[in-house]
Amino acid sequence: NDVNRWLPESAITIAELLSRAGYHTAHVGKWHLGGLHVDDTG
């Protein structure tokens, strides 16, 4: 709901596994897994 839910940080993701293997990683576009709130400065 864009308020108070998120994928736990303890979850091991494909990005983490590939990054450890030497891959560059980038996410582009919709996320909807939490953690995209900003303060007044952005």
All heavy atoms as atom14 arrays in JSON, in Angstrom:
{
  "sequence": "NDVNRWLPESAITIAELLSRAGYHTAHVGKWHLGGLHVDDTG",
  "atom14_mask": [
    [1, 1, 1, 1, 1, 1, 1, 1, 0, 0, 0, 0, 0, 0],
    [1, 1, 1, 1, 1, 1, 1, 1, 0, 0, 0, 0, 0, 0],
    [1, 1, 1, 1, 1, 1, 1, 0, 0, 0, 0, 0, 0, 0],
    [1, 1, 1, 1, 1, 1, 1, 1, 0, 0, 0, 0, 0, 0],
    [1, 1, 1, 1, 1, 1, 1, 1, 1, 1, 1, 0, 0, 0],
    [1, 1, 1, 1, 1, 1, 1, 1, 1, 1, 1, 1, 1, 1],
    [1, 1, 1, 1, 1, 1, 1, 1, 0, 0, 0, 0, 0, 0],
    [1, 1, 1, 1, 1, 1, 1, 0, 0, 0, 0, 0, 0, 0],
    [1, 1, 1, 1, 1, 1, 1, 1, 1, 0, 0, 0, 0, 0],
    [1, 1, 1, 1, 1, 1, 0, 0, 0, 0, 0, 0, 0, 0],
    [1, 1, 1, 1, 1, 0, 0, 0, 0, 0, 0, 0, 0, 0],
    [1, 1, 1, 1, 1, 1, 1, 1, 0, 0, 0, 0, 0, 0],
    [1, 1, 1, 1, 1, 1, 1, 0, 0, 0, 0, 0, 0, 0],
    [1, 1, 1, 1, 1, 1, 1, 1, 0, 0, 0, 0, 0, 0],
    [1, 1, 1, 1, 1, 0, 0, 0, 0, 0, 0, 0, 0, 0],
    [1, 1, 1, 1, 1, 1, 1, 1, 1, 0, 0, 0, 0, 0],
    [1, 1, 1, 1, 1, 1, 1, 1, 0, 0, 0, 0, 0, 0],
    [1, 1, 1, 1, 1, 1, 1, 1, 0, 0, 0, 0, 0, 0],
    [1, 1, 1, 1, 1, 1, 0, 0, 0, 0, 0, 0, 0, 0],
    [1, 1, 1, 1, 1, 1, 1, 1, 1, 1, 1, 0, 0, 0],
    [1, 1, 1, 1, 1, 0, 0, 0, 0, 0, 0, 0, 0, 0],
    [1, 1, 1, 1, 0, 0, 0, 0, 0, 0, 0, 0, 0, 0],
    [1, 1, 1, 1, 1, 1, 1, 1, 1, 1, 1, 1, 0, 0],
    [1, 1, 1, 1, 1, 1, 1, 1, 1, 1, 0, 0, 0, 0],
    [1, 1, 1, 1, 1, 1, 1, 0, 0, 0, 0, 0, 0, 0],
    [1, 1, 1, 1, 1, 0, 0, 0, 0, 0, 0, 0, 0, 0],
    [1, 1, 1, 1, 1, 1, 1, 1, 1, 1, 0, 0, 0, 0],
    [1, 1, 1, 1, 1, 1, 1, 0, 0, 0, 0, 0, 0, 0],
    [1, 1, 1, 1, 0, 0, 0, 0, 0, 0, 0, 0, 0, 0],
    [1, 1, 1, 1, 1, 1, 1, 1, 1, 0, 0, 0, 0, 0],
    [1, 1, 1, 1, 1, 1, 1, 1, 1, 1, 1, 1, 1, 1],
    [1, 1, 1, 1, 1, 1, 1, 1, 1, 1, 0, 0, 0, 0],
    [1, 1, 1, 1, 1, 1, 1, 1, 0, 0, 0, 0, 0, 0],
    [1, 1, 1, 1, 0, 0, 0, 0, 0, 0, 0, 0, 0, 0],
    [1, 1, 1, 1, 0, 0, 0, 0, 0, 0, 0, 0, 0, 0],
    [1, 1, 1, 1, 1, 1, 1, 1, 0, 0, 0, 0, 0, 0],
    [1, 1, 1, 1, 1, 1, 1, 1, 1, 1, 0, 0, 0, 0],
    [1, 1, 1, 1, 1, 1, 1, 0, 0, 0, 0, 0, 0, 0],
    [1, 1, 1, 1, 1, 1, 1, 1, 0, 0, 0, 0, 0, 0],
    [1, 1, 1, 1, 1, 1, 1, 1, 0, 0, 0, 0, 0, 0],
    [1, 1, 1, 1, 1, 1, 1, 0, 0, 0, 0, 0, 0, 0],
    [1, 1, 1, 1, 0, 0, 0, 0, 0, 0, 0, 0, 0, 0]
  ],
  "atom14_positions": [
    [[0.8, -1.23, 0.0], [0.0, 0.0, 0.0], [0.83, 1.28, 0.0], [0.29, 2.36, 0.24], [-0.94, 0.0, 1.2], [-0.18, -0.14, 2.53], [1.05, -0.05, 2.57], [-0.9, -0.36, 3.61], [0.0, 0.0, 0.0], [0.0, 0.0, 0.0], [0.0, 0.0, 0.0], [0.0, 0.0, 0.0], [0.0, 0.0, 0.0], [0.0, 0.0, 0.0]],
    [[2.12, 1.16, -0.26], [3.03, 2.32, -0.31], [3.18, 3.02, 1.04], [3.62, 4.16, 1.1], [2.55, 3.35, -1.35], [2.64, 2.85, -2.77], [3.36, 1.87, -3.0], [1.98, 3.43, -3.65], [0.0, 0.0, 0.0], [0.0, 0.0, 0.0], [0.0, 0.0, 0.0], [0.0, 0.0, 0.0], [0.0, 0.0, 0.0], [0.0, 0.0, 0.0]],
    [[2.8, 2.35, 2.13], [2.88, 3.0, 3.43], [3.86, 2.27, 4.35], [4.87, 2.83, 4.76], [1.47, 3.08, 4.09], [1.58, 3.69, 5.49], [0.54, 3.92, 3.24], [0.0, 0.0, 0.0], [0.0, 0.0, 0.0], [0.0, 0.0, 0.0], [0.0, 0.0, 0.0], [0.0, 0.0, 0.0], [0.0, 0.0, 0.0], [0.0, 0.0, 0.0]],
    [[3.59, 1.04, 4.69], [4.4, 0.43, 5.74], [4.7, -1.05, 5.51], [4.8, -1.82, 6.44], [3.7, 0.58, 7.1], [2.33, -0.06, 7.11], [1.89, -0.61, 6.1], [1.65, 0.01, 8.24], [0.0, 0.0, 0.0], [0.0, 0.0, 0.0], [0.0, 0.0, 0.0], [0.0, 0.0, 0.0], [0.0, 0.0, 0.0], [0.0, 0.0, 0.0]],
    [[4.87, -1.45, 4.25], [5.2, -2.83, 3.97], [6.42, -2.87, 3.05], [6.6, -2.0, 2.22], [4.01, -3.55, 3.33], [2.72, -3.47, 4.16], [1.74, -4.54, 3.75], [2.18, -5.86, 4.23], [1.8, -7.01, 3.7], [0.99, -7.02, 2.65], [2.22, -8.15, 4.21], [0.0, 0.0, 0.0], [0.0, 0.0, 0.0], [0.0, 0.0, 0.0]],
    [[7.23, -3.95, 3.21], [8.44, -4.04, 2.41], [8.96, -5.48, 2.4], [8.59, -6.29, 3.25], [9.53, -3.11, 2.97], [9.94, -3.43, 4.37], [10.97, -4.23, 4.76], [9.33, -2.95, 5.58], [11.05, -4.3, 6.13], [10.06, -3.52, 6.66], [8.27, -2.1, 5.86], [9.73, -3.26, 7.99], [7.93, -1.85, 7.18], [8.67, -2.42, 8.23]],
    [[9.77, -5.79, 1.42], [10.47, -7.07, 1.39], [11.57, -7.03, 2.43], [12.41, -6.13, 2.42], [11.07, -7.3, 0.0], [11.86, -8.6, -0.19], [10.96, -9.81, -0.08], [12.58, -8.59, -1.54], [0.0, 0.0, 0.0], [0.0, 0.0, 0.0], [0.0, 0.0, 0.0], [0.0, 0.0, 0.0], [0.0, 0.0, 0.0], [0.0, 0.0, 0.0]],
    [[11.6, -7.98, 3.39], [12.61, -7.94, 4.45], [14.02, -7.9, 3.89], [14.33, -8.56, 2.9], [12.35, -9.24, 5.22], [10.93, -9.57, 4.96], [10.66, -9.11, 3.56], [0.0, 0.0, 0.0], [0.0, 0.0, 0.0], [0.0, 0.0, 0.0], [0.0, 0.0, 0.0], [0.0, 0.0, 0.0], [0.0, 0.0, 0.0], [0.0, 0.0, 0.0]],
    [[14.87, -7.13, 4.54], [16.25, -7.01, 4.06], [17.0, -8.33, 4.14], [17.94, -8.57, 3.39], [16.99, -5.94, 4.86], [18.36, -5.62, 4.3], [19.02, -4.44, 4.96], [18.39, -3.82, 5.85], [20.16, -4.12, 4.58], [0.0, 0.0, 0.0], [0.0, 0.0, 0.0], [0.0, 0.0, 0.0], [0.0, 0.0, 0.0], [0.0, 0.0, 0.0]],
    [[16.56, -9.21, 5.01], [17.22, -10.51, 5.15], [16.99, -11.41, 3.94], [17.71, -12.4, 3.76], [16.73, -11.22, 6.41], [15.32, -11.43, 6.35], [0.0, 0.0, 0.0], [0.0, 0.0, 0.0], [0.0, 0.0, 0.0], [0.0, 0.0, 0.0], [0.0, 0.0, 0.0], [0.0, 0.0, 0.0], [0.0, 0.0, 0.0], [0.0, 0.0, 0.0]],
    [[16.0, -11.1, 3.12], [15.74, -11.9, 1.92], [16.95, -11.83, 0.99], [17.48, -10.74, 0.72], [14.49, -11.39, 1.21], [0.0, 0.0, 0.0], [0.0, 0.0, 0.0], [0.0, 0.0, 0.0], [0.0, 0.0, 0.0], [0.0, 0.0, 0.0], [0.0, 0.0, 0.0], [0.0, 0.0, 0.0], [0.0, 0.0, 0.0], [0.0, 0.0, 0.0]],
    [[17.39, -12.96, 0.5], [18.53, -13.02, -0.43], [17.98, -12.95, -1.84], [17.2, -13.81, -2.25], [19.36, -14.29, -0.2], [19.89, -14.33, 1.22], [20.51, -14.36, -1.21], [20.6, -15.62, 1.58], [0.0, 0.0, 0.0], [0.0, 0.0, 0.0], [0.0, 0.0, 0.0], [0.0, 0.0, 0.0], [0.0, 0.0, 0.0], [0.0, 0.0, 0.0]],
    [[18.39, -11.96, -2.6], [17.82, -11.71, -3.92], [18.78, -12.12, -5.03], [19.98, -12.29, -4.82], [17.47, -10.23, -4.1], [18.7, -9.48, -4.18], [16.62, -9.7, -2.95], [0.0, 0.0, 0.0], [0.0, 0.0, 0.0], [0.0, 0.0, 0.0], [0.0, 0.0, 0.0], [0.0, 0.0, 0.0], [0.0, 0.0, 0.0], [0.0, 0.0, 0.0]],
    [[18.22, -12.23, -6.22], [19.02, -12.53, -7.39], [20.08, -11.46, -7.62], [21.21, -11.75, -8.03], [18.12, -12.7, -8.64], [18.95, -13.01, -9.88], [17.25, -11.48, -8.88], [19.72, -14.29, -9.84], [0.0, 0.0, 0.0], [0.0, 0.0, 0.0], [0.0, 0.0, 0.0], [0.0, 0.0, 0.0], [0.0, 0.0, 0.0], [0.0, 0.0, 0.0]],
    [[19.74, -10.2, -7.33], [20.71, -9.12, -7.51], [21.9, -9.3, -6.57], [23.06, -9.07, -6.96], [20.05, -7.77, -7.27], [0.0, 0.0, 0.0], [0.0, 0.0, 0.0], [0.0, 0.0, 0.0], [0.0, 0.0, 0.0], [0.0, 0.0, 0.0], [0.0, 0.0, 0.0], [0.0, 0.0, 0.0], [0.0, 0.0, 0.0], [0.0, 0.0, 0.0]],
    [[21.65, -9.7, -5.33], [22.74, -9.92, -4.38], [23.62, -11.08, -4.83], [24.86, -10.99, -4.77], [22.16, -10.21, -3.0], [21.47, -9.02, -2.35], [20.85, -9.38, -1.02], [19.67, -9.79, -1.0], [21.54, -9.26, 0.01], [0.0, 0.0, 0.0], [0.0, 0.0, 0.0], [0.0, 0.0, 0.0], [0.0, 0.0, 0.0], [0.0, 0.0, 0.0]],
    [[23.01, -12.16, -5.26], [23.78, -13.33, -5.67], [24.64, -13.03, -6.9], [25.81, -13.42, -6.96], [22.83, -14.5, -5.95], [22.11, -15.07, -4.72], [20.99, -16.01, -5.16], [23.08, -15.79, -3.81], [0.0, 0.0, 0.0], [0.0, 0.0, 0.0], [0.0, 0.0, 0.0], [0.0, 0.0, 0.0], [0.0, 0.0, 0.0], [0.0, 0.0, 0.0]],
    [[24.07, -12.33, -7.86], [24.83, -12.01, -9.06], [25.9, -10.96, -8.77], [26.99, -11.0, -9.34], [23.89, -11.54, -10.16], [22.94, -12.6, -10.73], [22.04, -12.01, -11.81], [23.72, -13.79, -11.29], [0.0, 0.0, 0.0], [0.0, 0.0, 0.0], [0.0, 0.0, 0.0], [0.0, 0.0, 0.0], [0.0, 0.0, 0.0], [0.0, 0.0, 0.0]],
    [[25.6, -10.04, -7.89], [26.6, -9.02, -7.52], [27.81, -9.68, -6.86], [28.96, -9.33, -7.17], [25.96, -8.0, -6.58], [26.89, -7.0, -6.22], [0.0, 0.0, 0.0], [0.0, 0.0, 0.0], [0.0, 0.0, 0.0], [0.0, 0.0, 0.0], [0.0, 0.0, 0.0], [0.0, 0.0, 0.0], [0.0, 0.0, 0.0], [0.0, 0.0, 0.0]],
    [[27.56, -10.63, -5.99], [28.68, -11.35, -5.35], [29.52, -12.1, -6.38], [30.71, -12.34, -6.17], [28.13, -12.34, -4.32], [27.45, -11.7, -3.12], [26.79, -12.78, -2.26], [25.87, -12.2, -1.28], [25.02, -12.92, -0.55], [24.99, -14.25, -0.69], [24.22, -12.33, 0.31], [0.0, 0.0, 0.0], [0.0, 0.0, 0.0], [0.0, 0.0, 0.0]],
    [[28.88, -12.47, -7.48], [29.58, -13.2, -8.54], [30.25, -12.28, -9.55], [30.74, -12.74, -10.58], [28.6, -14.14, -9.25], [0.0, 0.0, 0.0], [0.0, 0.0, 0.0], [0.0, 0.0, 0.0], [0.0, 0.0, 0.0], [0.0, 0.0, 0.0], [0.0, 0.0, 0.0], [0.0, 0.0, 0.0], [0.0, 0.0, 0.0], [0.0, 0.0, 0.0]],
    [[30.25, -10.98, -9.28], [30.95, -10.04, -10.14], [30.09, -9.32, -11.15], [30.61, -8.57, -11.99], [0.0, 0.0, 0.0], [0.0, 0.0, 0.0], [0.0, 0.0, 0.0], [0.0, 0.0, 0.0], [0.0, 0.0, 0.0], [0.0, 0.0, 0.0], [0.0, 0.0, 0.0], [0.0, 0.0, 0.0], [0.0, 0.0, 0.0], [0.0, 0.0, 0.0]],
    [[28.79, -9.5, -11.1], [27.88, -8.81, -12.02], [27.64, -7.37, -11.56], [27.53, -7.09, -10.37], [26.53, -9.53, -12.07], [26.44, -10.66, -13.08], [27.16, -11.84, -12.89], [25.64, -10.55, -14.2], [27.07, -12.89, -13.8], [25.55, -11.59, -15.12], [26.27, -12.75, -14.92], [26.17, -13.78, -15.83], [0.0, 0.0, 0.0], [0.0, 0.0, 0.0]],
    [[27.54, -6.47, -12.53], [26.97, -5.16, -12.26], [25.45, -5.32, -12.21], [24.88, -6.13, -12.95], [27.33, -4.18, -13.37], [28.8, -3.95, -13.53], [29.56, -3.32, -12.57], [29.65, -4.27, -14.53], [30.82, -3.25, -12.97], [30.91, -3.83, -14.16], [0.0, 0.0, 0.0], [0.0, 0.0, 0.0], [0.0, 0.0, 0.0], [0.0, 0.0, 0.0]],
    [[24.78, -4.56, -11.36], [23.34, -4.72, -11.2], [22.64, -3.37, -11.22], [23.15, -2.39, -10.67], [23.01, -5.44, -9.88], [23.52, -4.68, -8.78], [23.6, -6.84, -9.85], [0.0, 0.0, 0.0], [0.0, 0.0, 0.0], [0.0, 0.0, 0.0], [0.0, 0.0, 0.0], [0.0, 0.0, 0.0], [0.0, 0.0, 0.0], [0.0, 0.0, 0.0]],
    [[21.46, -3.33, -11.82], [20.67, -2.11, -11.82], [19.19, -2.47, -11.89], [18.8, -3.41, -12.59], [21.04, -1.21, -13.0], [0.0, 0.0, 0.0], [0.0, 0.0, 0.0], [0.0, 0.0, 0.0], [0.0, 0.0, 0.0], [0.0, 0.0, 0.0], [0.0, 0.0, 0.0], [0.0, 0.0, 0.0], [0.0, 0.0, 0.0], [0.0, 0.0, 0.0]],
    [[18.39, -1.71, -11.17], [16.93, -1.84, -11.25], [16.38, -0.58, -11.9], [16.73, 0.54, -11.53], [16.3, -2.01, -9.87], [14.81, -1.96, -9.92], [14.04, -3.03, -10.28], [13.94, -0.92, -9.71], [12.76, -2.69, -10.27], [12.68, -1.41, -9.93], [0.0, 0.0, 0.0], [0.0, 0.0, 0.0], [0.0, 0.0, 0.0], [0.0, 0.0, 0.0]],
    [[15.45, -0.78, -12.83], [14.83, 0.33, -13.55], [13.32, 0.11, -13.56], [12.85, -0.96, -13.93], [15.34, 0.43, -15.01], [14.74, 1.65, -15.7], [16.86, 0.49, -15.04], [0.0, 0.0, 0.0], [0.0, 0.0, 0.0], [0.0, 0.0, 0.0], [0.0, 0.0, 0.0], [0.0, 0.0, 0.0], [0.0, 0.0, 0.0], [0.0, 0.0, 0.0]],
    [[12.55, 1.14, -13.16], [11.11, 1.07, -13.28], [10.4, 0.84, -11.95], [10.94, 1.09, -10.88], [0.0, 0.0, 0.0], [0.0, 0.0, 0.0], [0.0, 0.0, 0.0], [0.0, 0.0, 0.0], [0.0, 0.0, 0.0], [0.0, 0.0, 0.0], [0.0, 0.0, 0.0], [0.0, 0.0, 0.0], [0.0, 0.0, 0.0], [0.0, 0.0, 0.0]],
    [[9.17, 0.37, -12.05], [8.35, 0.15, -10.85], [9.07, -0.8, -9.89], [9.74, -1.74, -10.32], [7.0, -0.44, -11.26], [6.06, -0.72, -10.09], [4.72, -1.22, -10.56], [3.81, -1.56, -9.39], [2.46, -2.01, -9.82], [0.0, 0.0, 0.0], [0.0, 0.0, 0.0], [0.0, 0.0, 0.0], [0.0, 0.0, 0.0], [0.0, 0.0, 0.0]],
    [[8.87, -0.59, -8.6], [9.49, -1.42, -7.57], [8.41, -2.11, -6.74], [8.24, -3.31, -6.77], [10.4, -0.57, -6.69], [11.05, -1.25, -5.54], [10.83, -1.04, -4.21], [12.08, -2.26, -5.59], [11.62, -1.83, -3.42], [12.4, -2.6, -4.25], [12.74, -2.91, -6.61], [13.36, -3.56, -3.92], [13.7, -3.86, -6.31], [13.99, -4.17, -4.98]],
    [[7.68, -1.35, -5.98], [6.52, -1.81, -5.2], [6.86, -2.91, -4.21], [6.06, -3.8, -3.92], [5.36, -2.23, -6.1], [4.04, -1.72, -5.6], [2.84, -2.06, -6.14], [3.76, -0.88, -4.57], [1.86, -1.46, -5.5], [2.39, -0.74, -4.54], [0.0, 0.0, 0.0], [0.0, 0.0, 0.0], [0.0, 0.0, 0.0], [0.0, 0.0, 0.0]],
    [[8.08, -2.83, -3.65], [8.49, -3.73, -2.58], [8.99, -2.96, -1.37], [9.72, -3.5, -0.53], [9.57, -4.7, -3.08], [9.07, -5.81, -4.01], [10.23, -6.61, -4.57], [8.09, -6.73, -3.3], [0.0, 0.0, 0.0], [0.0, 0.0, 0.0], [0.0, 0.0, 0.0], [0.0, 0.0, 0.0], [0.0, 0.0, 0.0], [0.0, 0.0, 0.0]],
    [[8.59, -1.69, -1.28], [8.91, -0.89, -0.11], [10.21, -0.12, -0.22], [11.03, -0.35, -1.11], [0.0, 0.0, 0.0], [0.0, 0.0, 0.0], [0.0, 0.0, 0.0], [0.0, 0.0, 0.0], [0.0, 0.0, 0.0], [0.0, 0.0, 0.0], [0.0, 0.0, 0.0], [0.0, 0.0, 0.0], [0.0, 0.0, 0.0], [0.0, 0.0, 0.0]],
    [[10.38, 0.83, 0.72], [11.64, 1.55, 0.83], [11.84, 2.7, -0.12], [12.98, 3.14, -0.31], [0.0, 0.0, 0.0], [0.0, 0.0, 0.0], [0.0, 0.0, 0.0], [0.0, 0.0, 0.0], [0.0, 0.0, 0.0], [0.0, 0.0, 0.0], [0.0, 0.0, 0.0], [0.0, 0.0, 0.0], [0.0, 0.0, 0.0], [0.0, 0.0, 0.0]],
    [[10.76, 3.26, -0.7], [10.91, 4.35, -1.66], [10.18, 5.6, -1.18], [9.5, 6.28, -1.94], [10.4, 3.92, -3.04], [11.2, 2.8, -3.72], [10.63, 2.49, -5.08], [12.67, 3.16, -3.84], [0.0, 0.0, 0.0], [0.0, 0.0, 0.0], [0.0, 0.0, 0.0], [0.0, 0.0, 0.0], [0.0, 0.0, 0.0], [0.0, 0.0, 0.0]],
    [[10.35, 5.91, 0.09], [9.82, 7.15, 0.65], [10.96, 8.15, 0.81], [12.11, 7.76, 1.01], [9.18, 6.9, 2.01], [8.02, 5.95, 1.96], [7.39, 5.49, 3.1], [7.38, 5.37, 0.92], [6.41, 4.66, 2.76], [6.39, 4.57, 1.45], [0.0, 0.0, 0.0], [0.0, 0.0, 0.0], [0.0, 0.0, 0.0], [0.0, 0.0, 0.0]],
    [[10.65, 9.44, 0.71], [11.69, 10.47, 0.81], [11.32, 11.51, 1.88], [10.14, 11.66, 2.23], [11.89, 11.19, -0.55], [12.39, 10.22, -1.6], [10.6, 11.87, -1.01], [0.0, 0.0, 0.0], [0.0, 0.0, 0.0], [0.0, 0.0, 0.0], [0.0, 0.0, 0.0], [0.0, 0.0, 0.0], [0.0, 0.0, 0.0], [0.0, 0.0, 0.0]],
    [[12.34, 12.22, 2.34], [12.09, 13.33, 3.27], [11.86, 14.61, 2.5], [11.77, 14.6, 1.25], [13.24, 13.47, 4.27], [14.58, 13.79, 3.61], [14.59, 14.26, 2.44], [15.62, 13.58, 4.26], [0.0, 0.0, 0.0], [0.0, 0.0, 0.0], [0.0, 0.0, 0.0], [0.0, 0.0, 0.0], [0.0, 0.0, 0.0], [0.0, 0.0, 0.0]],
    [[11.79, 15.74, 3.19], [11.47, 17.01, 2.53], [12.56, 17.46, 1.56], [12.3, 18.27, 0.67], [11.26, 18.1, 3.59], [9.99, 17.88, 4.4], [9.12, 17.13, 3.91], [9.9, 18.42, 5.51], [0.0, 0.0, 0.0], [0.0, 0.0, 0.0], [0.0, 0.0, 0.0], [0.0, 0.0, 0.0], [0.0, 0.0, 0.0], [0.0, 0.0, 0.0]],
    [[13.77, 16.94, 1.72], [14.85, 17.31, 0.81], [14.94, 16.38, -0.4], [15.75, 16.6, -1.29], [16.2, 17.28, 1.55], [16.56, 15.92, 1.84], [16.13, 18.09, 2.84], [0.0, 0.0, 0.0], [0.0, 0.0, 0.0], [0.0, 0.0, 0.0], [0.0, 0.0, 0.0], [0.0, 0.0, 0.0], [0.0, 0.0, 0.0], [0.0, 0.0, 0.0]],
    [[14.11, 15.35, -0.42], [14.14, 14.4, -1.53], [15.06, 13.22, -1.31], [15.25, 12.4, -2.22], [0.0, 0.0, 0.0], [0.0, 0.0, 0.0], [0.0, 0.0, 0.0], [0.0, 0.0, 0.0], [0.0, 0.0, 0.0], [0.0, 0.0, 0.0], [0.0, 0.0, 0.0], [0.0, 0.0, 0.0], [0.0, 0.0, 0.0], [0.0, 0.0, 0.0]]
  ]
}
